[in-house]
Amino acid sequence: MAALTPLLSSTATGLCVTDISKRFSDVQALDNVSVSVDVGAMLVLLGPSGCGKTTLLRIIAGLERADAGTVRVGDDLVVGPKVFVPPEKRRIGMVFQDWALFPHLTVAKNVAYGLTRAEVNTGRVTQTLALMDMAHLAQRRPDELSAGQAQRVALARALAPQPRLLLFDEPFSSLDVELRVSVRREVADLMRSLEMTAVFVTHDQEEAFVLGDQVAVMKHGRIVQYAQPAQVYDAPQTPWVAGFVGDANLIRAQCQGDCATTSLGPIPLRQRRDGPALVLARPENLRLAPGSELRVTAVDFYGHDTTYRIRPDQNAGREAELLVRAPGAPRYAVGDAVQVSYTGPPSVAFDLE
């Protein structure tokens, strides 16, 4: 994409959402949700379908009314007791899942939609399209664009009015895998170069970790963890979060101080703990070696790494199944006898369910 344009980089502001609740009939869509985003930062709302993340995004945008709570965009209260600023007055841009381009308008006219004549006359459309490396396509219509180009036009249209905040609702879900990876990288780089405050909604853990400075993991209308991506992955607060954001082996252990004794040997702990627990062992933190009690039951080769499913020999008294990830090509085959040990950093422990 083109170099940063100062015209588009000076309007971003922060976001503060406090105790937002929303009920639809007998469904509590949001239950006292609070998040904040610093100026120029990117927050990702991550969770399964129906967890409330899109409802929260729509309340921020002004497309839905909250039952309780407040939303501030910069210093402006846009949602609060007896306060509801219409969406067109919030200066918030939104990129939708299906892009919502007007099929009968050219690229340039799609980007100009919503701008005043004076803003168009300043060259705002041309400047924004140049920022997205799309100026040469200004006279094409949406059906003449590739999926990636259409995504860039939708982003250009959201940027053209100089929003204070950008919202993205599953913006890459309709792209194929290869294009999704490249486009989301471009969008993340652009947002950071513009120092634009942004909120993304996704159910994709990998996407959340690539995009987010902070990740808010949602379940049943609540935020169950709110932290930097590495913290969410390395130190999930619940077994559910551990499994939702990545592959997770949860191993029975007896903890004493900063060490957990498990069937795989000792596992160091991030926090001191005593008594029985479940300890998280990510597949990439386990190592295979020739052994006797465990057997390889499945091998999946992905090019950059290989995953193995490991089960005990009958009556061996070990974990029911383990997932192990190792770099490179397979070194073991189905049926091989192996042993597994933990080689990762200090991990987290959970109460027995």
Foldseek 3Di string as FASTA:
>chain_A
DDADDLVLQPQAAKKWWFQFWADDVPATLAGGATDIFGQLFEEEEAEDPSLNPVVVLCCQQLNDATPATWMDRHNDTQHHVVHHNHNLPQLEFEQEQVLPFDQVAFLLVSLCPPPDPVLVVVVLSCVLCVLLVNNVRRGHGPVVDDPLVSLSSSVSSRRSVSGNEYEYENHQPPPDDVSSVVSLLVVLVVSNSSSHYYYYYDNALVSNLNRHCWYFYGGSNYGQDIGGSVCQAFAPPDVVSVVSNAPWDWFKFAFAFQWTQGPQGIAGAPGTDGGIWTWTAHQAQKDKDADAFKFWADWDDDAQKIKTKIAGDPPPPHDGIDIHIDGDDDPDDGGGHIGMHGRDDHGHTHHDD
